[in-house]
Amino acid sequence: MKTAFFRRIARSGAAGEFALTTVLLFIAVTVVRWLRDPGSPAFIPDLNLALVVIGAVSGAVLTGLILTPLGRRTGGHMNPAVTVALWLMNAFPRRKVLPYALAQLAGSVAGAGLAWLAWGNAVSFPLVDHGAIRPAPTWSADTVFAAEVVGMAAVIFVVGLLVHGGHMRLVPYAIGLSVGLVIAILGPLSGGSINPARQLGPAVFAGRSTDLWVYLIAQILGSALGAWLYHLLPSGPKRNRTQRSETSEYRHRRRHRSGRTATRTHVAGSGSSGDRAVPVGHGGRPRAAAGSVGRPG
């Protein structure tokens, strides 16, 4: 029974999402460790400037992970809010939402833990604090919540616009750029998380439970808002009916195949193992799925 369970996890793509999110969080904490540790040769004392650099690095890393073979295989979500958004955009199967989200959150804790093992006490210094995100002291939880909702919705909608216009090749790069801008702009204010997995692991090791709920819930609501805006785009209903029809046809064909690996295609971090999605870095109109985003560190 245990073997069957792990096989189901592997087939769902959740194991790959765990690995990708682990790498993402390890790099995220590492970047903060080197740029915010006063004893580091790369230390940047000015927080605003440091967040600009962190945003640029995080965006580049995120794009790179989406474009890796594993990222193309799983879709490279690395963000529960992205997974939820893709489901709401009819681009991801509902049965895989929970396995993906749990794998991403587990990867968050694993990545933060690996960074602690790699860098030791350096990640626990006050300015590093295991890479945990902190809002500006003058910002209330309500304000942070609203900012994170808007930031996540904006990223999802930007991706939706590109997919709607048939510019799938640009999606991985647009994701990295959008995430980098959010970190640079919202970082000094709300923290610029836009990813529940970005905050969970670091918060666990830093012992920061205050307002953690904001960073776990706001992004989910933001992704739902972004998906809703996506459906308002012209010809959205017709497009989505076509997506559902082609997905059903594809599943029907899979049930009658044996001993063969189904073809997978996906949109910059939005594909799924076993259900067809839009090709990342391939042109054309969306076929069986659309959109996706990841989140940085």
Foldseek 3Di string as FASTA:
>chain_A
DVVVVVVVLVLFLQLLLLVLLLVQLLVLLVLQLQQPQPVHPNHDPDPLVSLLVSLLVFLVSQLVSCPDPSNFQALSFLFLLQLLLQVLLQFHDPVSSVSNHVSSLNSLQNNLVVNCVVPPCSCCPPRNLSVAFDAAPVDDLVRLLVLLLQLLLVLQLVQLVCQQVFNLQCNSNSQSVSLSVQSSPCCHHNNSFLGLSNHNNSCVSSVPPVSNVSSNPSSNNSSSNNSVVSCVPPPNVVQSVQLVVVQVVLLVVVVPDPPDADDEAEGSRRTTRPTHWHHHNDGDHTGNTGTGHYHHD
